[in-house]
Amino acid sequence: NYGFPTCTWPAAETMKSCKGFNEPAILLPPHSSPMGIGAIGNTFYVSLFGGAAGKGPEVVTMSKKGQPFPFLTGFAAPTIALGVNNGSVYVGDLTGTIYKVAAK
């Protein structure tokens, strides 16, 4: 239980209202809208519909501290899906295009 809607991590003014609730392991920027998540080894890949901090649609990797790091950018339309298989990341956008990229 992360406390929603009473607790809205990480807004400083609501921290008192978050007392007693589980703290999320990872926090994304507001309005990131994750559309898919996958893991290859110890790396998480997250498809963000509109991107982090208004940068546009993208796929990010996540650090242990939960900071998004761009992995794929430059999509023609928002991303809507993400999957991983055999060391590759698959991501689809609203145009119906599916991209396959080998993970590092």
PDB file of N, CA and C in Angstrom:
ATOM      1  N   ASN A   1       0.844  -1.169   0.000  1.00  0.00           N
ATOM      2  CA  ASN A   1       0.000   0.000   0.000  1.00  0.00           C
ATOM      3  C   ASN A   1       0.893   1.236   0.000  1.00  0.00           C
ATOM      4  N   TYR A   2       0.838   1.999  -1.091  1.00  0.00           N
ATOM      5  CA  TYR A   2       1.675   3.192  -1.240  1.00  0.00           C
ATOM      6  C   TYR A   2       0.941   4.473  -0.859  1.00  0.00           C
ATOM      7  N   GLY A   3      -0.293   4.359  -0.410  1.00  0.00           N
ATOM      8  CA  GLY A   3      -0.994   5.499   0.153  1.00  0.00           C
ATOM      9  C   GLY A   3      -1.851   6.326  -0.760  1.00  0.00           C
ATOM     10  N   PHE A   4      -1.910   6.022  -2.052  1.00  0.00           N
ATOM     11  CA  PHE A   4      -2.704   6.830  -2.968  1.00  0.00           C
ATOM     12  C   PHE A   4      -4.186   6.716  -2.610  1.00  0.00           C
ATOM     13  N   PRO A   5      -4.936   7.763  -2.610  1.00  0.00           N
ATOM     14  CA  PRO A   5      -4.649   9.122  -3.051  1.00  0.00           C
ATOM     15  C   PRO A   5      -4.190  10.062  -1.935  1.00  0.00           C
ATOM     16  N   THR A   6      -4.149   9.580  -0.692  1.00  0.00           N
ATOM     17  CA  THR A   6      -3.720  10.438   0.415  1.00  0.00           C
ATOM     18  C   THR A   6      -2.269  10.851   0.256  1.00  0.00           C
ATOM     19  N   CYS A   7      -1.430   9.901  -0.095  1.00  0.00           N
ATOM     20  CA  CYS A   7       0.002  10.141  -0.261  1.00  0.00           C
ATOM     21  C   CYS A   7       0.318  10.177  -1.747  1.00  0.00           C
ATOM     22  N   THR A   8       0.917  11.258  -2.213  1.00  0.00           N
ATOM     23  CA  THR A   8       1.315  11.369  -3.619  1.00  0.00           C
ATOM     24  C   THR A   8       2.819  11.585  -3.685  1.00  0.00           C
ATOM     25  N   TRP A   9       3.561  10.501  -3.567  1.00  0.00           N
ATOM     26  CA  TRP A   9       5.027  10.573  -3.633  1.00  0.00           C
ATOM     27  C   TRP A   9       5.424  11.350  -4.860  1.00  0.00           C
ATOM     28  N   PRO A  10       6.481  12.117  -4.882  1.00  0.00           N
ATOM     29  CA  PRO A  10       7.344  12.527  -3.785  1.00  0.00           C
ATOM     30  C   PRO A  10       7.099  13.957  -3.333  1.00  0.00           C
ATOM     31  N   ALA A  11       5.917  14.475  -3.551  1.00  0.00           N
ATOM     32  CA  ALA A  11       5.629  15.869  -3.198  1.00  0.00           C
ATOM     33  C   ALA A  11       5.955  16.147  -1.732  1.00  0.00           C
ATOM     34  N   ALA A  12       6.847  17.095  -1.491  1.00  0.00           N
ATOM     35  CA  ALA A  12       7.339  17.389  -0.141  1.00  0.00           C
ATOM     36  C   ALA A  12       6.213  17.745   0.825  1.00  0.00           C
ATOM     37  N   GLU A  13       5.216  18.467   0.353  1.00  0.00           N
ATOM     38  CA  GLU A  13       4.150  18.900   1.251  1.00  0.00           C
ATOM     39  C   GLU A  13       3.264  17.738   1.703  1.00  0.00           C
ATOM     40  N   THR A  14       3.354  16.599   1.028  1.00  0.00           N
ATOM     41  CA  THR A  14       2.518  15.468   1.414  1.00  0.00           C
ATOM     42  C   THR A  14       3.288  14.401   2.186  1.00  0.00           C
ATOM     43  N   MET A  15       4.549  14.641   2.490  1.00  0.00           N
ATOM     44  CA  MET A  15       5.347  13.613   3.149  1.00  0.00           C
ATOM     45  C   MET A  15       4.739  13.180   4.477  1.00  0.00           C
ATOM     46  N   LYS A  16       4.130  14.098   5.224  1.00  0.00           N
ATOM     47  CA  LYS A  16       3.468  13.716   6.472  1.00  0.00           C
ATOM     48  C   LYS A  16       2.326  12.753   6.193  1.00  0.00           C
ATOM     49  N   SER A  17       1.636  12.955   5.072  1.00  0.00           N
ATOM     50  CA  SER A  17       0.526  12.067   4.737  1.00  0.00           C
ATOM     51  C   SER A  17       1.013  10.711   4.230  1.00  0.00           C
ATOM     52  N   CYS A  18       2.323  10.581   3.990  1.00  0.00           N
ATOM     53  CA  CYS A  18       2.887   9.312   3.515  1.00  0.00           C
ATOM     54  C   CYS A  18       3.394   8.438   4.656  1.00  0.00           C
ATOM     55  N   LYS A  19       3.421   8.983   5.854  1.00  0.00           N
ATOM     56  CA  LYS A  19       3.926   8.223   6.994  1.00  0.00           C
ATOM     57  C   LYS A  19       3.100   6.947   7.177  1.00  0.00           C
ATOM     58  N   GLY A  20       3.799   5.825   7.314  1.00  0.00           N
ATOM     59  CA  GLY A  20       3.148   4.547   7.518  1.00  0.00           C
ATOM     60  C   GLY A  20       2.879   3.772   6.236  1.00  0.00           C
ATOM     61  N   PHE A  21       3.064   4.404   5.069  1.00  0.00           N
ATOM     62  CA  PHE A  21       2.879   3.718   3.796  1.00  0.00           C
ATOM     63  C   PHE A  21       4.219   3.237   3.263  1.00  0.00           C
ATOM     64  N   ASN A  22       4.202   2.206   2.434  1.00  0.00           N
ATOM     65  CA  ASN A  22       5.423   1.707   1.807  1.00  0.00           C
ATOM     66  C   ASN A  22       5.987   2.746   0.860  1.00  0.00           C
ATOM     67  N   GLU A  23       7.305   2.916   0.893  1.00  0.00           N
ATOM     68  CA  GLU A  23       7.961   3.853  -0.021  1.00  0.00           C
ATOM     69  C   GLU A  23       8.266   3.132  -1.331  1.00  0.00           C
ATOM     70  N   PRO A  24       7.893   3.718  -2.471  1.00  0.00           N
ATOM     71  CA  PRO A  24       8.180   3.081  -3.758  1.00  0.00           C
ATOM     72  C   PRO A  24       9.688   2.930  -3.970  1.00  0.00           C
ATOM     73  N   ALA A  25      10.092   1.857  -4.640  1.00  0.00           N
ATOM     74  CA  ALA A  25      11.505   1.631  -4.944  1.00  0.00           C
ATOM     75  C   ALA A  25      11.988   2.606  -6.011  1.00  0.00           C
ATOM     76  N   ILE A  26      11.112   2.963  -6.953  1.00  0.00           N
ATOM     77  CA  ILE A  26      11.468   3.842  -8.065  1.00  0.00           C
ATOM     78  C   ILE A  26      10.380   4.890  -8.233  1.00  0.00           C
ATOM     79  N   LEU A  27      10.791   6.127  -8.406  1.00  0.00           N
ATOM     80  CA  LEU A  27       9.858   7.222  -8.688  1.00  0.00           C
ATOM     81  C   LEU A  27      10.166   7.777 -10.075  1.00  0.00           C
ATOM     82  N   LEU A  28       9.147   7.883 -10.907  1.00  0.00           N
ATOM     83  CA  LEU A  28       9.300   8.480 -12.230  1.00  0.00           C
ATOM     84  C   LEU A  28       8.843   9.928 -12.175  1.00  0.00           C
ATOM     85  N   PRO A  29       9.327  10.752 -13.110  1.00  0.00           N
ATOM     86  CA  PRO A  29       8.852  12.139 -13.151  1.00  0.00           C
ATOM     87  C   PRO A  29       7.336  12.178 -13.373  1.00  0.00           C
ATOM     88  N   PRO A  30       6.666  13.218 -12.862  1.00  0.00           N
ATOM     89  CA  PRO A  30       5.217  13.337 -13.059  1.00  0.00           C
ATOM     90  C   PRO A  30       4.842  13.234 -14.540  1.00  0.00           C
ATOM     91  N   HIS A  31       3.751  12.575 -14.827  1.00  0.00           N
ATOM     92  CA  HIS A  31       3.165  12.446 -16.162  1.00  0.00           C
ATOM     93  C   HIS A  31       4.034  11.645 -17.134  1.00  0.00           C
ATOM     94  N   SER A  32       4.909  10.794 -16.632  1.00  0.00           N
ATOM     95  CA  SER A  32       5.736   9.963 -17.506  1.00  0.00           C
ATOM     96  C   SER A  32       4.919   8.896 -18.228  1.00  0.00           C
ATOM     97  N   SER A  33       3.877   8.399 -17.602  1.00  0.00           N
ATOM     98  CA  SER A  33       2.972   7.396 -18.167  1.00  0.00           C
ATOM     99  C   SER A  33       3.691   6.157 -18.693  1.00  0.00           C
ATOM    100  N   PRO A  34       4.200   5.318 -17.791  1.00  0.00           N
ATOM    101  CA  PRO A  34       4.853   4.090 -18.256  1.00  0.00           C
ATOM    102  C   PRO A  34       3.866   3.175 -18.968  1.00  0.00           C
ATOM    103  N   MET A  35       4.251   2.682 -20.133  1.00  0.00           N
ATOM    104  CA  MET A  35       3.375   1.835 -20.953  1.00  0.00           C
ATOM    105  C   MET A  35       3.859   0.396 -21.021  1.00  0.00           C
ATOM    106  N   GLY A  36       5.062   0.134 -20.557  1.00  0.00           N
ATOM    107  CA  GLY A  36       5.582  -1.221 -20.557  1.00  0.00           C
ATOM    108  C   GLY A  36       6.889  -1.256 -19.807  1.00  0.00           C
ATOM    109  N   ILE A  37       7.192  -2.402 -19.222  1.00  0.00           N
ATOM    110  CA  ILE A  37       8.431  -2.569 -18.483  1.00  0.00           C
ATOM    111  C   ILE A  37       8.959  -3.974 -18.736  1.00  0.00           C
ATOM    112  N   GLY A  38      10.264  -4.072 -18.869  1.00  0.00           N
ATOM    113  CA  GLY A  38      10.899  -5.373 -19.049  1.00  0.00           C
ATOM    114  C   GLY A  38      12.275  -5.343 -18.424  1.00  0.00           C
ATOM    115  N   ALA A  39      12.816  -6.508 -18.168  1.00  0.00           N
ATOM    116  CA  ALA A  39      14.145  -6.607 -17.570  1.00  0.00           C
ATOM    117  C   ALA A  39      15.007  -7.555 -18.387  1.00  0.00           C
ATOM    118  N   ILE A  40      16.241  -7.151 -18.592  1.00  0.00           N
ATOM    119  CA  ILE A  40      17.264  -8.005 -19.179  1.00  0.00           C
ATOM    120  C   ILE A  40      18.420  -7.963 -18.202  1.00  0.00           C
ATOM    121  N   GLY A  41      18.695  -9.086 -17.568  1.00  0.00           N
ATOM    122  CA  GLY A  41      19.709  -9.105 -16.512  1.00  0.00           C
ATOM    123  C   GLY A  41      19.263  -8.216 -15.373  1.00  0.00           C
ATOM    124  N   ASN A  42      20.119  -7.296 -14.957  1.00  0.00           N
ATOM    125  CA  ASN A  42      19.811  -6.375 -13.864  1.00  0.00           C
ATOM    126  C   ASN A  42      19.340  -5.009 -14.350  1.00  0.00           C
ATOM    127  N   THR A  43      19.011  -4.902 -15.628  1.00  0.00           N
ATOM    128  CA  THR A  43      18.592  -3.621 -16.197  1.00  0.00           C
ATOM    129  C   THR A  43      17.105  -3.630 -16.497  1.00  0.00           C
ATOM    130  N   PHE A  44      16.401  -2.612 -16.004  1.00  0.00           N
ATOM    131  CA  PHE A  44      14.991  -2.417 -16.327  1.00  0.00           C
ATOM    132  C   PHE A  44      14.879  -1.470 -17.510  1.00  0.00           C
ATOM    133  N   TYR A  45      13.993  -1.787 -18.425  1.00  0.00           N
ATOM    134  CA  TYR A  45      13.674  -0.938 -19.573  1.00  0.00           C
ATOM    135  C   TYR A  45      12.220  -0.524 -19.419  1.00  0.00           C
ATOM    136  N   VAL A  46      11.947   0.778 -19.515  1.00  0.00           N
ATOM    137  CA  VAL A  46      10.596   1.294 -19.315  1.00  0.00           C
ATOM    138  C   VAL A  46      10.221   2.169 -20.506  1.00  0.00           C
ATOM    139  N   SER A  47       9.081   1.867 -21.123  1.00  0.00           N
ATOM    140  CA  SER A  47       8.553   2.659 -22.225  1.00  0.00           C
ATOM    141  C   SER A  47       7.677   3.766 -21.635  1.00  0.00           C
ATOM    142  N   LEU A  48       8.002   5.015 -21.964  1.00  0.00           N
ATOM    143  CA  LEU A  48       7.258   6.168 -21.443  1.00  0.00           C
ATOM    144  C   LEU A  48       6.467   6.816 -22.574  1.00  0.00           C
ATOM    145  N   PHE A  49       5.153   6.811 -22.443  1.00  0.00           N
ATOM    146  CA  PHE A  49       4.234   7.312 -23.464  1.00  0.00           C
ATOM    147  C   PHE A  49       4.643   8.696 -23.961  1.00  0.00           C
ATOM    148  N   GLY A  50       4.806   9.628 -23.046  1.00  0.00           N
ATOM    149  CA  GLY A  50       5.169  10.989 -23.417  1.00  0.00           C
ATOM    150  C   GLY A  50       6.586  11.351 -23.039  1.00  0.00           C
ATOM    151  N   GLY A  51       7.306  10.434 -22.455  1.00  0.00           N
ATOM    152  CA  GLY A  51       8.688  10.683 -22.058  1.00  0.00           C
ATOM    153  C   GLY A  51       8.801  11.282 -20.675  1.00  0.00           C
ATOM    154  N   ALA A  52      10.005  11.332 -20.182  1.00  0.00           N
ATOM    155  CA  ALA A  52      10.288  11.918 -18.875  1.00  0.00           C
ATOM    156  C   ALA A  52      10.496  13.420 -19.031  1.00  0.00           C
ATOM    157  N   ALA A  53       9.863  14.177 -18.184  1.00  0.00           N
ATOM    158  CA  ALA A  53      10.018  15.642 -18.169  1.00  0.00           C
ATOM    159  C   ALA A  53       9.721  16.290 -19.515  1.00  0.00           C
ATOM    160  N   GLY A  54       8.714  15.766 -20.235  1.00  0.00           N
ATOM    161  CA  GLY A  54       8.281  16.386 -21.478  1.00  0.00           C
ATOM    162  C   GLY A  54       9.258  16.278 -22.628  1.00  0.00           C
ATOM    163  N   LYS A  55      10.156  15.300 -22.608  1.00  0.00           N
ATOM    164  CA  LYS A  55      11.163  15.143 -23.660  1.00  0.00           C
ATOM    165  C   LYS A  55      10.616  14.442 -24.896  1.00  0.00           C
ATOM    166  N   GLY A  56       9.402  13.964 -24.852  1.00  0.00           N
ATOM    167  CA  GLY A  56       8.844  13.200 -25.958  1.00  0.00           C
ATOM    168  C   GLY A  56       8.936  11.716 -25.666  1.00  0.00           C
ATOM    169  N   PRO A  57       8.239  10.902 -26.447  1.00  0.00           N
ATOM    170  CA  PRO A  57       8.207   9.460 -26.208  1.00  0.00           C
ATOM    171  C   PRO A  57       9.616   8.879 -26.172  1.00  0.00           C
ATOM    172  N   GLU A  58       9.831   7.931 -25.260  1.00  0.00           N
ATOM    173  CA  GLU A  58      11.155   7.335 -25.157  1.00  0.00           C
ATOM    174  C   GLU A  58      11.102   6.032 -24.377  1.00  0.00           C
ATOM    175  N   VAL A  59      12.180   5.291 -24.476  1.00  0.00           N
ATOM    176  CA  VAL A  59      12.416   4.131 -23.626  1.00  0.00           C
ATOM    177  C   VAL A  59      13.625   4.488 -22.780  1.00  0.00           C
ATOM    178  N   VAL A  60      13.506   4.272 -21.478  1.00  0.00           N
ATOM    179  CA  VAL A  60      14.597   4.594 -20.566  1.00  0.00           C
ATOM    180  C   VAL A  60      15.058   3.323 -19.853  1.00  0.00           C
ATOM    181  N   THR A  61      16.286   3.361 -19.372  1.00  0.00           N
ATOM    182  CA  THR A  61      16.752   2.348 -18.437  1.00  0.00           C
ATOM    183  C   THR A  61      16.719   3.002 -17.070  1.00  0.00           C
ATOM    184  N   MET A  62      16.687   2.170 -16.043  1.00  0.00           N
ATOM    185  CA  MET A  62      16.584   2.703 -14.691  1.00  0.00           C
ATOM    186  C   MET A  62      17.810   2.319 -13.875  1.00  0.00           C
ATOM    187  N   SER A  63      18.351   3.301 -13.147  1.00  0.00           N
ATOM    188  CA  SER A  63      19.455   3.043 -12.237  1.00  0.00           C
ATOM    189  C   SER A  63      18.912   2.479 -10.933  1.00  0.00           C
ATOM    190  N   LYS A  64      19.801   2.040 -10.073  1.00  0.00           N
ATOM    191  CA  LYS A  64      19.375   1.527  -8.773  1.00  0.00           C
ATOM    192  C   LYS A  64      18.669   2.592  -7.958  1.00  0.00           C
ATOM    193  N   LYS A  65      18.980   3.867  -8.218  1.00  0.00           N
ATOM    194  CA  LYS A  65      18.331   4.961  -7.500  1.00  0.00           C
ATOM    195  C   LYS A  65      17.042   5.401  -8.186  1.00  0.00           C
ATOM    196  N   GLY A  66      16.695   4.748  -9.295  1.00  0.00           N
ATOM    197  CA  GLY A  66      15.441   5.056  -9.962  1.00  0.00           C
ATOM    198  C   GLY A  66      15.489   6.228 -10.917  1.00  0.00           C
ATOM    199  N   GLN A  67      16.672   6.669 -11.291  1.00  0.00           N
ATOM    200  CA  GLN A  67      16.781   7.774 -12.236  1.00  0.00           C
ATOM    201  C   GLN A  67      16.666   7.246 -13.659  1.00  0.00           C
ATOM    202  N   PRO A  68      15.746   7.802 -14.467  1.00  0.00           N
ATOM    203  CA  PRO A  68      15.634   7.339 -15.847  1.00  0.00           C
ATOM    204  C   PRO A  68      16.813   7.833 -16.694  1.00  0.00           C
ATOM    205  N   PHE A  69      17.336   6.949 -17.541  1.00  0.00           N
ATOM    206  CA  PHE A  69      18.416   7.292 -18.458  1.00  0.00           C
ATOM    207  C   PHE A  69      17.951   6.930 -19.861  1.00  0.00           C
ATOM    208  N   PRO A  70      17.983   7.870 -20.824  1.00  0.00           N
ATOM    209  CA  PRO A  70      17.468   7.583 -22.170  1.00  0.00           C
ATOM    210  C   PRO A  70      18.162   6.382 -22.817  1.00  0.00           C
ATOM    211  N   PHE A  71      17.362   5.501 -23.401  1.00  0.00           N
ATOM    212  CA  PHE A  71      17.862   4.348 -24.143  1.00  0.00           C
ATOM    213  C   PHE A  71      17.455   4.456 -25.614  1.00  0.00           C
ATOM    214  N   LEU A  72      16.189   4.754 -25.882  1.00  0.00           N
ATOM    215  CA  LEU A  72      15.680   4.968 -27.239  1.00  0.00           C
ATOM    216  C   LEU A  72      14.862   6.251 -27.269  1.00  0.00           C
ATOM    217  N   THR A  73      15.127   7.099 -28.248  1.00  0.00           N
ATOM    218  CA  THR A  73      14.374   8.343 -28.411  1.00  0.00           C
ATOM    219  C   THR A  73      14.099   8.549 -29.903  1.00  0.00           C
ATOM    220  N   GLY A  74      13.393   9.619 -30.224  1.00  0.00           N
ATOM    221  CA  GLY A  74      13.147   9.974 -31.621  1.00  0.00           C
ATOM    222  C   GLY A  74      11.951   9.287 -32.247  1.00  0.00           C
ATOM    223  N   PHE A  75      11.010   8.828 -31.444  1.00  0.00           N
ATOM    224  CA  PHE A  75       9.821   8.161 -31.972  1.00  0.00           C
ATOM    225  C   PHE A  75       8.925   9.171 -32.687  1.00  0.00           C
ATOM    226  N   ALA A  76       8.219   8.700 -33.731  1.00  0.00           N
ATOM    227  CA  ALA A  76       7.297   9.551 -34.475  1.00  0.00           C
ATOM    228  C   ALA A  76       6.002   9.778 -33.713  1.00  0.00           C
ATOM    229  N   ALA A  77       5.694   8.882 -32.784  1.00  0.00           N
ATOM    230  CA  ALA A  77       4.445   8.957 -32.024  1.00  0.00           C
ATOM    231  C   ALA A  77       4.697   8.371 -30.630  1.00  0.00           C
ATOM    232  N   PRO A  78       3.799   8.619 -29.682  1.00  0.00           N
ATOM    233  CA  PRO A  78       3.986   8.062 -28.340  1.00  0.00           C
ATOM    234  C   PRO A  78       4.123   6.534 -28.349  1.00  0.00           C
ATOM    235  N   THR A  79       4.923   6.035 -27.435  1.00  0.00           N
ATOM    236  CA  THR A  79       5.106   4.591 -27.306  1.00  0.00           C
ATOM    237  C   THR A  79       3.926   3.989 -26.550  1.00  0.00           C
ATOM    238  N   ILE A  80       3.555   2.761 -26.931  1.00  0.00           N
ATOM    239  CA  ILE A  80       2.393   2.131 -26.303  1.00  0.00           C
ATOM    240  C   ILE A  80       2.674   0.734 -25.757  1.00  0.00           C
ATOM    241  N   ALA A  81       3.835   0.181 -26.023  1.00  0.00           N
ATOM    242  CA  ALA A  81       4.115  -1.177 -25.556  1.00  0.00           C
ATOM    243  C   ALA A  81       5.614  -1.411 -25.498  1.00  0.00           C
ATOM    244  N   LEU A  82       6.015  -2.353 -24.646  1.00  0.00           N
ATOM    245  CA  LEU A  82       7.415  -2.742 -24.558  1.00  0.00           C
ATOM    246  C   LEU A  82       7.482  -4.203 -24.146  1.00  0.00           C
ATOM    247  N   GLY A  83       8.393  -4.918 -24.762  1.00  0.00           N
ATOM    248  CA  GLY A  83       8.656  -6.301 -24.396  1.00  0.00           C
ATOM    249  C   GLY A  83      10.137  -6.584 -24.562  1.00  0.00           C
ATOM    250  N   VAL A  84      10.609  -7.606 -23.904  1.00  0.00           N
ATOM    251  CA  VAL A  84      12.002  -8.019 -24.043  1.00  0.00           C
ATOM    252  C   VAL A  84      12.042  -9.511 -24.349  1.00  0.00           C
ATOM    253  N   ASN A  85      13.013  -9.912 -25.170  1.00  0.00           N
ATOM    254  CA  ASN A  85      13.177 -11.322 -25.494  1.00  0.00           C
ATOM    255  C   ASN A  85      14.582 -11.552 -26.032  1.00  0.00           C
ATOM    256  N   ASN A  86      15.253 -12.537 -25.473  1.00  0.00           N
ATOM    257  CA  ASN A  86      16.539 -12.983 -25.986  1.00  0.00           C
ATOM    258  C   ASN A  86      17.539 -11.836 -26.174  1.00  0.00           C
ATOM    259  N   GLY A  87      17.600 -10.917 -25.205  1.00  0.00           N
ATOM    260  CA  GLY A  87      18.567  -9.823 -25.247  1.00  0.00           C
ATOM    261  C   GLY A  87      18.177  -8.637 -26.099  1.00  0.00           C
ATOM    262  N   SER A  88      16.957  -8.606 -26.598  1.00  0.00           N
ATOM    263  CA  SER A  88      16.487  -7.475 -27.402  1.00  0.00           C
ATOM    264  C   SER A  88      15.297  -6.808 -26.734  1.00  0.00           C
ATOM    265  N   VAL A  89      15.160  -5.514 -26.996  1.00  0.00           N
ATOM    266  CA  VAL A  89      14.032  -4.728 -26.512  1.00  0.00           C
ATOM    267  C   VAL A  89      13.131  -4.455 -27.712  1.00  0.00           C
ATOM    268  N   TYR A  90      11.844  -4.755 -27.571  1.00  0.00           N
ATOM    269  CA  TYR A  90      10.842  -4.484 -28.596  1.00  0.00           C
ATOM    270  C   TYR A  90       9.928  -3.390 -28.076  1.00  0.00           C
ATOM    271  N   VAL A  91       9.702  -2.376 -28.894  1.00  0.00           N
ATOM    272  CA  VAL A  91       8.818  -1.293 -28.469  1.00  0.00           C
ATOM    273  C   VAL A  91       7.952  -0.869 -29.654  1.00  0.00           C
ATOM    274  N   GLY A  92       6.668  -0.628 -29.378  1.00  0.00           N
ATOM    275  CA  GLY A  92       5.740  -0.196 -30.411  1.00  0.00           C
ATOM    276  C   GLY A  92       5.249   1.211 -30.147  1.00  0.00           C
ATOM    277  N   ASP A  93       4.920   1.928 -31.224  1.00  0.00           N
ATOM    278  CA  ASP A  93       4.371   3.273 -31.050  1.00  0.00           C
ATOM    279  C   ASP A  93       2.993   3.355 -31.694  1.00  0.00           C
ATOM    280  N   LEU A  94       2.354   4.504 -31.571  1.00  0.00           N
ATOM    281  CA  LEU A  94       0.983   4.687 -32.058  1.00  0.00           C
ATOM    282  C   LEU A  94       0.851   4.603 -33.575  1.00  0.00           C
ATOM    283  N   THR A  95       1.941   4.638 -34.323  1.00  0.00           N
ATOM    284  CA  THR A  95       1.860   4.485 -35.780  1.00  0.00           C
ATOM    285  C   THR A  95       1.684   3.025 -36.171  1.00  0.00           C
ATOM    286  N   GLY A  96       1.869   2.115 -35.207  1.00  0.00           N
ATOM    287  CA  GLY A  96       1.798   0.691 -35.485  1.00  0.00           C
ATOM    288  C   GLY A  96       3.152   0.074 -35.773  1.00  0.00           C
ATOM    289  N   THR A  97       4.193   0.870 -35.716  1.00  0.00           N
ATOM    290  CA  THR A  97       5.547   0.380 -35.953  1.00  0.00           C
ATOM    291  C   THR A  97       6.081  -0.298 -34.705  1.00  0.00           C
ATOM    292  N   ILE A  98       6.747  -1.423 -34.889  1.00  0.00           N
ATOM    293  CA  ILE A  98       7.414  -2.111 -33.789  1.00  0.00           C
ATOM    294  C   ILE A  98       8.913  -2.091 -34.070  1.00  0.00           C
ATOM    295  N   TYR A  99       9.669  -1.635 -33.087  1.00  0.00           N
ATOM    296  CA  TYR A  99      11.122  -1.537 -33.219  1.00  0.00           C
ATOM    297  C   TYR A  99      11.785  -2.630 -32.391  1.00  0.00           C
ATOM    298  N   LYS A 100      12.886  -3.184 -32.901  1.00  0.00           N
ATOM    299  CA  LYS A 100      13.681  -4.165 -32.173  1.00  0.00           C
ATOM    300  C   LYS A 100      15.091  -3.613 -32.065  1.00  0.00           C
ATOM    301  N   VAL A 101      15.589  -3.539 -30.814  1.00  0.00           N
ATOM    302  CA  VAL A 101      16.924  -3.005 -30.572  1.00  0.00           C
ATOM    303  C   VAL A 101      17.637  -3.957 -29.621  1.00  0.00           C
ATOM    304  N   ALA A 102      18.864  -4.323 -29.958  1.00  0.00           N
ATOM    305  CA  ALA A 102      19.658  -5.181 -29.071  1.00  0.00           C
ATOM    306  C   ALA A 102      20.047  -4.375 -27.837  1.00  0.00           C
ATOM    307  N   ALA A 103      19.852  -4.965 -26.669  1.00  0.00           N
ATOM    308  CA  ALA A 103      20.256  -4.309 -25.418  1.00  0.00           C
ATOM    309  C   ALA A 103      21.770  -4.394 -25.286  1.00  0.00           C
ATOM    310  N   LYS A 104      22.349  -3.406 -24.637  1.00  0.00           N
ATOM    311  CA  LYS A 104      23.808  -3.378 -24.459  1.00  0.00           C
ATOM    312  C   LYS A 104      24.247  -4.374 -23.436  1.00  0.00           C
TER     313      LYS A 104
END
